[in-house]
């Protein structure tokens, strides 16, 4: 029988997911270096894929726990933008189905911008319900960032079209009519909270990029409102915009006419 070409073997490997597939045993005996390199690459990819699947299963711990208690519509809640000098604080609430599957899902801060955009699109298409809420700089200055964060989170929950019966909340304690669990670093421990963190982050980043077009000297599209050296220098040179938080240091120590 004529030997398969390396290109043919590569195409076949792309269709195999099971490490007990007989084709793998067949090519292990192929002495060609190119074939062995393909096999090694497949094994590494399989190991990585298995690791992501296992992590996804682990991050469903809280969802399984509360579904086993009878809850069906579990919303993950998270926020982004508590620390920047400019822009809103943004919260998201996301309800995922029990069969939702997105290996690689993680805390938004651990993902590249490309992955966040890709995952956000997948979540938007496959979630049961999603809601986003934001509190702007003026109100942040009036009620403080902690209260603004809580308000954004509560607003996101209230705006869900499909009402939840349980909340998984990243770190914060919220006064709501729903049963809930507050989880420290929940965006790395719960798929629902991780999904909310990604939706909130992508939403806020897009907004800051738009603001960057209107206020070029501040480079909001790069710093997302955080107090980088370049951002602080722009404030020194040009003053503040309507999107800056006057209650945040060092802005509150500066005097602007």
C-alpha atoms as a PDB file:
ATOM      1  CA  UNK A   1       0.000   0.000   0.000  1.00  0.00           C
ATOM      2  CA  UNK A   2       1.292   3.430  -0.924  1.00  0.00           C
ATOM      3  CA  UNK A   3       2.364   5.532   2.034  1.00  0.00           C
ATOM      4  CA  UNK A   4       0.263   8.591   2.784  1.00  0.00           C
ATOM      5  CA  UNK A   5       1.991  11.898   2.231  1.00  0.00           C
ATOM      6  CA  UNK A   6       2.825  14.077   5.219  1.00  0.00           C
ATOM      7  CA  UNK A   7       0.204  16.586   4.042  1.00  0.00           C
ATOM      8  CA  UNK A   8      -2.441  13.841   3.952  1.00  0.00           C
ATOM      9  CA  UNK A   9      -1.480  12.719   7.445  1.00  0.00           C
ATOM     10  CA  UNK A  10      -1.699  16.306   8.679  1.00  0.00           C
ATOM     11  CA  UNK A  11      -5.253  16.628   7.328  1.00  0.00           C
ATOM     12  CA  UNK A  12      -6.315  13.346   8.954  1.00  0.00           C
ATOM     13  CA  UNK A  13      -4.842  14.396  12.317  1.00  0.00           C
ATOM     14  CA  UNK A  14      -6.905  17.579  12.202  1.00  0.00           C
ATOM     15  CA  UNK A  15     -10.084  15.428  12.337  1.00  0.00           C
ATOM     16  CA  UNK A  16      -8.994  13.263  15.301  1.00  0.00           C
ATOM     17  CA  UNK A  17      -9.848  14.143  18.913  1.00  0.00           C
ATOM     18  CA  UNK A  18      -9.614  10.741  20.616  1.00  0.00           C
ATOM     19  CA  UNK A  19      -6.108   9.713  21.717  1.00  0.00           C
ATOM     20  CA  UNK A  20      -7.093   6.026  21.344  1.00  0.00           C
ATOM     21  CA  UNK A  21      -7.808   6.420  17.617  1.00  0.00           C
ATOM     22  CA  UNK A  22      -6.142   3.563  15.676  1.00  0.00           C
ATOM     23  CA  UNK A  23      -4.634   5.993  13.149  1.00  0.00           C
ATOM     24  CA  UNK A  24      -2.366   7.382  15.894  1.00  0.00           C
ATOM     25  CA  UNK A  25      -0.959   3.909  16.542  1.00  0.00           C
ATOM     26  CA  UNK A  26      -0.480   3.442  12.820  1.00  0.00           C
ATOM     27  CA  UNK A  27       1.628   6.554  12.325  1.00  0.00           C
ATOM     28  CA  UNK A  28       3.694   6.004  15.469  1.00  0.00           C
ATOM     29  CA  UNK A  29       5.509   3.354  13.437  1.00  0.00           C
ATOM     30  CA  UNK A  30       6.164   5.753  10.570  1.00  0.00           C
ATOM     31  CA  UNK A  31       9.856   6.581  10.731  1.00  0.00           C
ATOM     32  CA  UNK A  32       9.636   9.839   8.813  1.00  0.00           C
ATOM     33  CA  UNK A  33      10.709  12.804  10.930  1.00  0.00           C
ATOM     34  CA  UNK A  34       7.942  14.980   9.474  1.00  0.00           C
ATOM     35  CA  UNK A  35       5.298  12.474  10.558  1.00  0.00           C
ATOM     36  CA  UNK A  36       6.717  12.228  14.078  1.00  0.00           C
ATOM     37  CA  UNK A  37       6.771  16.030  14.340  1.00  0.00           C
ATOM     38  CA  UNK A  38       3.105  16.127  13.321  1.00  0.00           C
ATOM     39  CA  UNK A  39       2.277  13.483  15.925  1.00  0.00           C
ATOM     40  CA  UNK A  40       4.158  15.385  18.621  1.00  0.00           C
ATOM     41  CA  UNK A  41       2.316  18.602  17.730  1.00  0.00           C
ATOM     42  CA  UNK A  42      -1.038  16.786  17.817  1.00  0.00           C
ATOM     43  CA  UNK A  43      -0.238  15.381  21.264  1.00  0.00           C
ATOM     44  CA  UNK A  44       0.681  18.831  22.598  1.00  0.00           C
ATOM     45  CA  UNK A  45      -2.502  20.345  21.187  1.00  0.00           C
ATOM     46  CA  UNK A  46      -4.542  17.509  22.689  1.00  0.00           C
ATOM     47  CA  UNK A  47      -2.912  18.050  26.075  1.00  0.00           C
ATOM     48  CA  UNK A  48      -3.678  21.777  25.912  1.00  0.00           C
ATOM     49  CA  UNK A  49      -7.285  21.149  24.849  1.00  0.00           C
ATOM     50  CA  UNK A  50      -7.770  18.642  27.669  1.00  0.00           C
ATOM     51  CA  UNK A  51      -6.355  21.167  30.133  1.00  0.00           C
ATOM     52  CA  UNK A  52      -8.818  23.833  28.989  1.00  0.00           C
ATOM     53  CA  UNK A  53     -11.728  21.383  29.228  1.00  0.00           C
ATOM     54  CA  UNK A  54     -10.705  20.377  32.752  1.00  0.00           C
ATOM     55  CA  UNK A  55     -10.382  24.013  33.818  1.00  0.00           C
ATOM     56  CA  UNK A  56     -13.805  24.785  32.347  1.00  0.00           C
ATOM     57  CA  UNK A  57     -15.258  21.879  34.341  1.00  0.00           C
ATOM     58  CA  UNK A  58     -13.601  23.178  37.532  1.00  0.00           C
ATOM     59  CA  UNK A  59     -14.956  26.672  36.869  1.00  0.00           C
ATOM     60  CA  UNK A  60     -18.466  25.190  36.793  1.00  0.00           C
ATOM     61  CA  UNK A  61     -18.178  24.146  40.447  1.00  0.00           C
ATOM     62  CA  UNK A  62     -20.475  26.873  41.808  1.00  0.00           C
ATOM     63  CA  UNK A  63     -22.930  26.526  38.927  1.00  0.00           C
ATOM     64  CA  UNK A  64     -23.208  22.761  39.563  1.00  0.00           C
ATOM     65  CA  UNK A  65     -23.483  23.303  43.308  1.00  0.00           C
ATOM     66  CA  UNK A  66     -26.450  25.646  43.076  1.00  0.00           C
ATOM     67  CA  UNK A  67     -28.162  23.826  40.210  1.00  0.00           C
ATOM     68  CA  UNK A  68     -28.083  20.746  42.439  1.00  0.00           C
ATOM     69  CA  UNK A  69     -29.958  22.830  45.010  1.00  0.00           C
ATOM     70  CA  UNK A  70     -32.714  23.494  42.478  1.00  0.00           C
ATOM     71  CA  UNK A  71     -31.686  26.820  40.966  1.00  0.00           C
ATOM     72  CA  UNK A  72     -31.947  26.952  37.185  1.00  0.00           C
ATOM     73  CA  UNK A  73     -31.204  30.501  36.031  1.00  0.00           C
ATOM     74  CA  UNK A  74     -27.896  31.481  37.592  1.00  0.00           C
ATOM     75  CA  UNK A  75     -26.560  34.927  36.725  1.00  0.00           C
ATOM     76  CA  UNK A  76     -22.885  35.804  36.994  1.00  0.00           C
ATOM     77  CA  UNK A  77     -22.177  39.440  37.928  1.00  0.00           C
ATOM     78  CA  UNK A  78     -18.928  41.353  37.485  1.00  0.00           C
ATOM     79  CA  UNK A  79     -17.664  44.872  36.841  1.00  0.00           C
ATOM     80  CA  UNK A  80     -14.710  46.662  35.289  1.00  0.00           C
ATOM     81  CA  UNK A  81     -13.418  50.185  35.598  1.00  0.00           C
ATOM     82  CA  UNK A  82     -13.203  50.858  39.317  1.00  0.00           C
ATOM     83  CA  UNK A  83      -9.617  52.155  39.162  1.00  0.00           C
ATOM     84  CA  UNK A  84      -9.321  54.424  36.091  1.00  0.00           C
ATOM     85  CA  UNK A  85      -9.193  58.216  36.242  1.00  0.00           C
ATOM     86  CA  UNK A  86     -11.651  58.512  33.353  1.00  0.00           C
ATOM     87  CA  UNK A  87     -14.671  56.743  31.939  1.00  0.00           C
ATOM     88  CA  UNK A  88     -17.541  54.849  33.528  1.00  0.00           C
ATOM     89  CA  UNK A  89     -17.630  51.815  35.751  1.00  0.00           C
ATOM     90  CA  UNK A  90     -19.346  49.049  33.767  1.00  0.00           C
ATOM     91  CA  UNK A  91     -21.134  45.991  35.142  1.00  0.00           C
ATOM     92  CA  UNK A  92     -22.515  42.968  33.311  1.00  0.00           C
ATOM     93  CA  UNK A  93     -24.906  40.201  34.276  1.00  0.00           C
ATOM     94  CA  UNK A  94     -24.876  36.973  32.271  1.00  0.00           C
ATOM     95  CA  UNK A  95     -27.055  33.870  32.515  1.00  0.00           C
ATOM     96  CA  UNK A  96     -25.602  30.785  30.821  1.00  0.00           C
ATOM     97  CA  UNK A  97     -27.352  27.521  30.034  1.00  0.00           C
ATOM     98  CA  UNK A  98     -26.297  24.311  31.736  1.00  0.00           C
ATOM     99  CA  UNK A  99     -24.814  23.006  28.468  1.00  0.00           C
ATOM    100  CA  UNK A 100     -22.866  26.191  27.660  1.00  0.00           C
ATOM    101  CA  UNK A 101     -19.333  25.197  26.662  1.00  0.00           C
ATOM    102  CA  UNK A 102     -16.437  27.535  25.962  1.00  0.00           C
ATOM    103  CA  UNK A 103     -13.073  26.012  26.958  1.00  0.00           C
ATOM    104  CA  UNK A 104     -10.532  28.756  27.538  1.00  0.00           C
ATOM    105  CA  UNK A 105     -13.063  31.036  29.229  1.00  0.00           C
ATOM    106  CA  UNK A 106     -11.330  32.877  32.059  1.00  0.00           C
ATOM    107  CA  UNK A 107     -11.008  36.140  33.943  1.00  0.00           C
ATOM    108  CA  UNK A 108     -11.017  38.843  31.252  1.00  0.00           C
ATOM    109  CA  UNK A 109      -7.707  40.263  32.542  1.00  0.00           C
ATOM    110  CA  UNK A 110      -5.974  36.978  31.686  1.00  0.00           C
ATOM    111  CA  UNK A 111      -7.114  36.994  28.056  1.00  0.00           C
ATOM    112  CA  UNK A 112      -5.750  38.854  25.040  1.00  0.00           C
ATOM    113  CA  UNK A 113      -7.924  41.536  23.478  1.00  0.00           C
ATOM    114  CA  UNK A 114      -8.491  39.265  20.474  1.00  0.00           C
ATOM    115  CA  UNK A 115      -9.665  36.400  22.698  1.00  0.00           C
ATOM    116  CA  UNK A 116     -11.929  38.717  24.721  1.00  0.00           C
ATOM    117  CA  UNK A 117     -13.603  39.950  21.539  1.00  0.00           C
ATOM    118  CA  UNK A 118     -13.966  36.396  20.229  1.00  0.00           C
ATOM    119  CA  UNK A 119     -15.392  35.097  23.507  1.00  0.00           C
ATOM    120  CA  UNK A 120     -17.689  38.109  23.971  1.00  0.00           C
ATOM    121  CA  UNK A 121     -19.224  37.420  20.554  1.00  0.00           C
ATOM    122  CA  UNK A 122     -19.723  33.740  21.438  1.00  0.00           C
ATOM    123  CA  UNK A 123     -21.292  34.649  24.798  1.00  0.00           C
ATOM    124  CA  UNK A 124     -23.639  37.177  23.160  1.00  0.00           C
ATOM    125  CA  UNK A 125     -24.845  34.508  20.726  1.00  0.00           C
ATOM    126  CA  UNK A 126     -25.186  31.656  23.224  1.00  0.00           C
ATOM    127  CA  UNK A 127     -26.147  33.130  26.605  1.00  0.00           C
ATOM    128  CA  UNK A 128     -29.715  32.877  27.871  1.00  0.00           C
ATOM    129  CA  UNK A 129     -29.671  36.530  28.894  1.00  0.00           C
ATOM    130  CA  UNK A 130     -27.152  39.389  29.075  1.00  0.00           C
ATOM    131  CA  UNK A 131     -27.399  42.865  30.525  1.00  0.00           C
ATOM    132  CA  UNK A 132     -24.868  45.694  30.820  1.00  0.00           C
ATOM    133  CA  UNK A 133     -25.097  48.809  32.987  1.00  0.00           C
ATOM    134  CA  UNK A 134     -22.733  51.703  33.541  1.00  0.00           C
ATOM    135  CA  UNK A 135     -22.340  54.609  35.922  1.00  0.00           C
ATOM    136  CA  UNK A 136     -20.586  57.688  34.566  1.00  0.00           C
ATOM    137  CA  UNK A 137     -17.904  59.908  36.139  1.00  0.00           C
ATOM    138  CA  UNK A 138     -20.321  62.585  37.373  1.00  0.00           C
ATOM    139  CA  UNK A 139     -22.296  60.110  39.454  1.00  0.00           C
ATOM    140  CA  UNK A 140     -19.121  58.332  40.572  1.00  0.00           C
ATOM    141  CA  UNK A 141     -17.933  61.676  41.974  1.00  0.00           C
ATOM    142  CA  UNK A 142     -21.282  62.183  43.704  1.00  0.00           C
ATOM    143  CA  UNK A 143     -21.737  58.803  45.383  1.00  0.00           C
ATOM    144  CA  UNK A 144     -18.147  57.363  45.371  1.00  0.00           C
ATOM    145  CA  UNK A 145     -16.807  54.484  43.314  1.00  0.00           C
ATOM    146  CA  UNK A 146     -17.849  51.735  45.731  1.00  0.00           C
ATOM    147  CA  UNK A 147     -21.495  52.790  45.694  1.00  0.00           C
ATOM    148  CA  UNK A 148     -21.339  53.395  41.935  1.00  0.00           C
ATOM    149  CA  UNK A 149     -20.028  49.859  41.418  1.00  0.00           C
ATOM    150  CA  UNK A 150     -22.860  48.378  43.477  1.00  0.00           C
ATOM    151  CA  UNK A 151     -25.411  50.497  41.623  1.00  0.00           C
ATOM    152  CA  UNK A 152     -24.092  49.368  38.239  1.00  0.00           C
ATOM    153  CA  UNK A 153     -24.193  45.717  39.315  1.00  0.00           C
ATOM    154  CA  UNK A 154     -27.735  46.007  40.665  1.00  0.00           C
ATOM    155  CA  UNK A 155     -28.874  47.796  37.515  1.00  0.00           C
ATOM    156  CA  UNK A 156     -27.371  45.037  35.358  1.00  0.00           C
ATOM    157  CA  UNK A 157     -29.262  42.399  37.336  1.00  0.00           C
ATOM    158  CA  UNK A 158     -32.537  44.333  37.197  1.00  0.00           C
ATOM    159  CA  UNK A 159     -32.207  44.830  33.435  1.00  0.00           C
ATOM    160  CA  UNK A 160     -31.931  41.120  32.601  1.00  0.00           C
ATOM    161  CA  UNK A 161     -34.841  40.195  30.335  1.00  0.00           C
ATOM    162  CA  UNK A 162     -34.794  36.652  31.696  1.00  0.00           C
ATOM    163  CA  UNK A 163     -34.990  37.022  35.460  1.00  0.00           C
ATOM    164  CA  UNK A 164     -32.470  34.920  37.435  1.00  0.00           C
ATOM    165  CA  UNK A 165     -33.212  32.808  40.476  1.00  0.00           C
ATOM    166  CA  UNK A 166     -29.644  32.914  41.824  1.00  0.00           C
ATOM    167  CA  UNK A 167     -26.678  35.303  41.598  1.00  0.00           C
ATOM    168  CA  UNK A 168     -22.958  34.550  41.591  1.00  0.00           C
ATOM    169  CA  UNK A 169     -21.229  37.860  42.337  1.00  0.00           C
ATOM    170  CA  UNK A 170     -17.567  38.737  42.041  1.00  0.00           C
ATOM    171  CA  UNK A 171     -16.452  39.816  45.543  1.00  0.00           C
ATOM    172  CA  UNK A 172     -19.222  42.360  46.233  1.00  0.00           C
ATOM    173  CA  UNK A 173     -22.205  41.925  48.541  1.00  0.00           C
ATOM    174  CA  UNK A 174     -25.443  43.093  46.945  1.00  0.00           C
ATOM    175  CA  UNK A 175     -28.828  43.701  48.552  1.00  0.00           C
ATOM    176  CA  UNK A 176     -31.178  41.959  46.122  1.00  0.00           C
ATOM    177  CA  UNK A 177     -34.353  39.857  46.297  1.00  0.00           C
ATOM    178  CA  UNK A 178     -32.395  36.939  44.847  1.00  0.00           C
ATOM    179  CA  UNK A 179     -30.389  34.309  46.667  1.00  0.00           C
ATOM    180  CA  UNK A 180     -26.705  34.848  46.010  1.00  0.00           C
ATOM    181  CA  UNK A 181     -23.115  33.859  46.656  1.00  0.00           C
ATOM    182  CA  UNK A 182     -20.259  36.367  46.737  1.00  0.00           C
ATOM    183  CA  UNK A 183     -16.997  34.832  45.498  1.00  0.00           C
ATOM    184  CA  UNK A 184     -13.571  36.397  45.979  1.00  0.00           C
ATOM    185  CA  UNK A 185     -11.772  36.392  42.595  1.00  0.00           C
ATOM    186  CA  UNK A 186     -14.930  34.875  41.196  1.00  0.00           C
ATOM    187  CA  UNK A 187     -14.002  35.813  37.631  1.00  0.00           C
ATOM    188  CA  UNK A 188     -11.344  33.081  37.776  1.00  0.00           C
ATOM    189  CA  UNK A 189     -13.547  30.553  39.626  1.00  0.00           C
ATOM    190  CA  UNK A 190     -16.953  30.723  37.946  1.00  0.00           C
ATOM    191  CA  UNK A 191     -17.797  30.505  34.243  1.00  0.00           C
ATOM    192  CA  UNK A 192     -20.818  32.783  34.742  1.00  0.00           C
ATOM    193  CA  UNK A 193     -18.771  35.501  36.447  1.00  0.00           C
ATOM    194  CA  UNK A 194     -15.944  35.084  33.917  1.00  0.00           C
ATOM    195  CA  UNK A 195     -18.453  35.567  31.097  1.00  0.00           C
ATOM    196  CA  UNK A 196     -19.767  38.709  32.788  1.00  0.00           C
ATOM    197  CA  UNK A 197     -16.218  40.034  33.237  1.00  0.00           C
ATOM    198  CA  UNK A 198     -15.527  39.574  29.514  1.00  0.00           C
ATOM    199  CA  UNK A 199     -18.767  41.260  28.418  1.00  0.00           C
ATOM    200  CA  UNK A 200     -18.156  44.188  30.790  1.00  0.00           C
ATOM    201  CA  UNK A 201     -14.515  44.579  29.756  1.00  0.00           C
ATOM    202  CA  UNK A 202     -15.204  44.464  26.014  1.00  0.00           C
ATOM    203  CA  UNK A 203     -18.097  46.933  26.391  1.00  0.00           C
ATOM    204  CA  UNK A 204     -15.999  49.408  28.368  1.00  0.00           C
ATOM    205  CA  UNK A 205     -12.939  49.085  26.125  1.00  0.00           C
ATOM    206  CA  UNK A 206     -15.031  49.835  23.042  1.00  0.00           C
ATOM    207  CA  UNK A 207     -16.436  52.921  24.729  1.00  0.00           C
ATOM    208  CA  UNK A 208     -12.992  54.173  25.745  1.00  0.00           C
ATOM    209  CA  UNK A 209     -11.689  53.631  22.207  1.00  0.00           C
ATOM    210  CA  UNK A 210     -14.529  55.815  20.903  1.00  0.00           C
ATOM    211  CA  UNK A 211     -13.682  58.477  23.483  1.00  0.00           C
ATOM    212  CA  UNK A 212     -10.079  58.292  22.338  1.00  0.00           C
ATOM    213  CA  UNK A 213     -11.181  59.473  18.890  1.00  0.00           C
ATOM    214  CA  UNK A 214     -12.869  62.528  20.429  1.00  0.00           C
ATOM    215  CA  UNK A 215      -9.996  63.330  22.806  1.00  0.00           C
ATOM    216  CA  UNK A 216      -6.770  62.301  21.006  1.00  0.00           C
ATOM    217  CA  UNK A 217      -4.229  63.801  23.461  1.00  0.00           C
ATOM    218  CA  UNK A 218      -5.392  61.501  26.278  1.00  0.00           C
ATOM    219  CA  UNK A 219      -4.967  58.233  24.311  1.00  0.00           C
ATOM    220  CA  UNK A 220      -7.980  56.627  25.980  1.00  0.00           C
ATOM    221  CA  UNK A 221      -7.883  53.908  23.292  1.00  0.00           C
ATOM    222  CA  UNK A 222      -4.592  52.748  24.784  1.00  0.00           C
ATOM    223  CA  UNK A 223      -4.843  53.439  28.522  1.00  0.00           C
ATOM    224  CA  UNK A 224      -8.617  52.854  28.887  1.00  0.00           C
ATOM    225  CA  UNK A 225      -8.689  55.779  31.300  1.00  0.00           C
ATOM    226  CA  UNK A 226      -6.028  54.474  33.678  1.00  0.00           C
ATOM    227  CA  UNK A 227      -3.431  56.880  35.029  1.00  0.00           C
ATOM    228  CA  UNK A 228      -0.495  56.129  32.771  1.00  0.00           C
ATOM    229  CA  UNK A 229       2.408  58.564  32.576  1.00  0.00           C
ATOM    230  CA  UNK A 230       1.223  59.725  29.160  1.00  0.00           C
ATOM    231  CA  UNK A 231      -2.335  60.209  30.425  1.00  0.00           C
ATOM    232  CA  UNK A 232      -1.215  62.213  33.462  1.00  0.00           C
ATOM    233  CA  UNK A 233       0.952  64.402  31.246  1.00  0.00           C
ATOM    234  CA  UNK A 234      -2.038  65.113  28.997  1.00  0.00           C
ATOM    235  CA  UNK A 235      -4.064  66.180  32.036  1.00  0.00           C
ATOM    236  CA  UNK A 236      -1.233  68.535  33.048  1.00  0.00           C
ATOM    237  CA  UNK A 237      -1.081  69.987  29.544  1.00  0.00           C
ATOM    238  CA  UNK A 238      -4.756  70.164  28.565  1.00  0.00           C
ATOM    239  CA  UNK A 239      -6.785  69.854  31.757  1.00  0.00           C
ATOM    240  CA  UNK A 240      -9.570  67.338  32.222  1.00  0.00           C
ATOM    241  CA  UNK A 241     -12.440  66.199  29.998  1.00  0.00           C
ATOM    242  CA  UNK A 242     -16.081  65.703  31.023  1.00  0.00           C
ATOM    243  CA  UNK A 243     -15.205  62.006  31.323  1.00  0.00           C
ATOM    244  CA  UNK A 244     -12.601  62.415  34.059  1.00  0.00           C
ATOM    245  CA  UNK A 245     -13.375  61.585  37.688  1.00  0.00           C
ATOM    246  CA  UNK A 246     -12.761  64.701  39.772  1.00  0.00           C
ATOM    247  CA  UNK A 247     -12.890  62.768  43.045  1.00  0.00           C
ATOM    248  CA  UNK A 248      -9.906  60.587  42.087  1.00  0.00           C
ATOM    249  CA  UNK A 249      -6.324  61.394  42.970  1.00  0.00           C
ATOM    250  CA  UNK A 250      -4.321  63.080  41.560  1.00  0.00           C
ATOM    251  CA  UNK A 251      -7.115  64.943  39.744  1.00  0.00           C
ATOM    252  CA  UNK A 252      -8.809  66.021  42.969  1.00  0.00           C
ATOM    253  CA  UNK A 253      -5.598  67.718  44.082  1.00  0.00           C
ATOM    254  CA  UNK A 254      -5.419  69.746  40.857  1.00  0.00           C
ATOM    255  CA  UNK A 255      -7.303  72.971  40.242  1.00  0.00           C
ATOM    256  CA  UNK A 256      -8.986  73.396  36.863  1.00  0.00           C
ATOM    257  CA  UNK A 257     -10.873  76.462  35.825  1.00  0.00           C
END
